């Protein structure tokens, strides 16, 4: 699979999983997540979905809720995309947003030191 095709497929998976979660899942633990990224293996058998939260304290319960909804999400994804094979889904918390925020604050504080 070419790199461009892989990127388009990742975006398609991300978009559809986000839509499934927001429209079909009623679990309150899942409602406040943001789907950040989807990475599908080149053989299309596995997909890792990265999500973020506003509240880090709820990370564990949200991950459990997503794991419980994984089969339903995969089934709906198969119905929407009509693929020969639908990838196995694995959810992971994406802490990159928090790291970026802390780096931004560090840069901002360093900049203030040199402005004085």
Protein backbone atom coordinates (compact mmCIF):
# COMPACT_ATOMS: atom_id res chain seq x y z
CA UNK A 1 0.00 0.00 0.00
CA UNK A 2 1.40 3.39 -0.96
CA UNK A 3 2.04 6.01 1.70
CA UNK A 4 -0.66 8.34 0.36
CA UNK A 5 -3.21 5.55 0.25
CA UNK A 6 -2.27 4.51 3.80
CA UNK A 7 -2.73 8.09 5.04
CA UNK A 8 -6.13 8.36 3.35
CA UNK A 9 -7.23 5.06 4.87
CA UNK A 10 -6.04 6.20 8.32
CA UNK A 11 -8.08 9.40 7.95
CA UNK A 12 -11.13 7.42 6.81
CA UNK A 13 -10.90 5.09 9.81
CA UNK A 14 -10.42 8.02 12.20
CA UNK A 15 -13.39 9.92 10.79
CA UNK A 16 -15.74 6.94 10.86
CA UNK A 17 -14.77 5.76 14.34
CA UNK A 18 -15.30 9.27 15.70
CA UNK A 19 -18.70 9.38 14.02
CA UNK A 20 -19.67 5.96 15.43
CA UNK A 21 -18.63 6.98 18.95
CA UNK A 22 -20.47 10.29 18.89
CA UNK A 23 -23.65 9.02 17.24
CA UNK A 24 -24.08 5.46 18.54
CA UNK A 25 -22.45 5.11 21.95
CA UNK A 26 -24.31 6.41 24.95
CA UNK A 27 -21.70 5.67 27.63
CA UNK A 28 -20.96 8.95 29.42
CA UNK A 29 -17.33 7.96 30.01
CA UNK A 30 -16.73 8.01 26.26
CA UNK A 31 -18.61 11.17 25.29
CA UNK A 32 -15.85 13.64 26.19
CA UNK A 33 -13.06 12.13 24.12
CA UNK A 34 -11.37 13.41 21.01
CA UNK A 35 -10.11 10.94 18.43
CA UNK A 36 -6.65 12.27 17.61
CA UNK A 37 -5.26 9.74 15.18
CA UNK A 38 -5.74 6.32 13.64
CA UNK A 39 -2.84 4.13 12.55
CA UNK A 40 -3.70 1.08 10.49
CA UNK A 41 -1.08 -1.57 9.84
CA UNK A 42 0.01 -2.00 6.19
CA UNK A 43 -1.77 -5.37 5.98
CA UNK A 44 -5.00 -3.69 7.27
CA UNK A 45 -5.44 -6.27 10.04
CA UNK A 46 -4.84 -3.97 13.02
CA UNK A 47 -5.76 -0.39 13.80
CA UNK A 48 -4.59 1.66 16.77
CA UNK A 49 -6.87 4.56 17.63
CA UNK A 50 -5.39 7.37 19.71
CA UNK A 51 -7.72 9.48 21.83
CA UNK A 52 -7.33 12.39 24.23
CA UNK A 53 -9.32 13.74 27.17
CA UNK A 54 -9.65 17.05 28.94
CA UNK A 55 -9.43 15.32 32.33
CA UNK A 56 -6.48 12.94 32.77
CA UNK A 57 -8.06 11.45 35.89
CA UNK A 58 -10.74 9.75 33.79
CA UNK A 59 -8.23 8.14 31.43
CA UNK A 60 -8.45 4.65 32.91
CA UNK A 61 -12.26 4.45 33.05
CA UNK A 62 -12.54 5.85 29.53
CA UNK A 63 -10.09 3.31 28.18
CA UNK A 64 -12.06 0.49 29.83
CA UNK A 65 -15.30 1.81 28.33
CA UNK A 66 -13.69 2.01 24.87
CA UNK A 67 -12.35 -1.53 25.19
CA UNK A 68 -15.85 -2.72 26.10
CA UNK A 69 -17.34 -0.95 23.06
CA UNK A 70 -14.60 -2.16 20.69
CA UNK A 71 -16.59 -5.04 19.14
CA UNK A 72 -19.61 -2.82 18.51
CA UNK A 73 -17.42 -0.12 16.94
CA UNK A 74 -15.72 -2.68 14.70
CA UNK A 75 -19.06 -4.12 13.60
CA UNK A 76 -20.45 -0.66 12.74
CA UNK A 77 -17.22 0.21 10.93
CA UNK A 78 -17.56 -2.95 8.82
CA UNK A 79 -21.14 -1.98 7.93
CA UNK A 80 -20.15 1.56 6.95
CA UNK A 81 -16.98 0.81 4.98
CA UNK A 82 -18.05 -2.50 3.43
CA UNK A 83 -14.50 -3.87 3.44
CA UNK A 84 -13.42 -7.43 2.82
CA UNK A 85 -11.62 -7.37 6.16
CA UNK A 86 -12.20 -4.90 9.00
CA UNK A 87 -9.15 -4.26 11.19
CA UNK A 88 -8.99 -5.28 14.84
CA UNK A 89 -9.25 -2.09 16.91
CA UNK A 90 -7.03 -1.14 19.82
CA UNK A 91 -7.43 2.12 21.75
CA UNK A 92 -4.56 4.05 23.31
CA UNK A 93 -4.47 7.28 25.25
CA UNK A 94 -2.63 10.03 23.37
CA UNK A 95 -0.62 12.09 25.82
CA UNK A 96 1.02 14.10 23.04
CA UNK A 97 -1.42 16.98 23.54
CA UNK A 98 -0.35 17.36 27.18
CA UNK A 99 3.33 17.21 26.22
CA UNK A 100 2.82 19.88 23.56
CA UNK A 101 1.05 22.11 26.11
CA UNK A 102 3.90 21.76 28.62
CA UNK A 103 6.52 22.48 25.94
CA UNK A 104 4.56 25.56 24.88
CA UNK A 105 4.48 26.81 28.50
CA UNK A 106 8.21 26.19 28.84
CA UNK A 107 8.97 28.15 25.67
CA UNK A 108 6.69 30.95 26.84
CA UNK A 109 8.42 31.16 30.24
CA UNK A 110 11.89 31.11 28.63
CA UNK A 111 10.83 33.90 26.29
CA UNK A 112 9.76 36.06 29.24
CA UNK A 113 13.21 35.65 30.81
CA UNK A 114 14.90 37.14 27.77
CA UNK A 115 12.34 39.92 27.27
CA UNK A 116 13.27 41.56 30.59
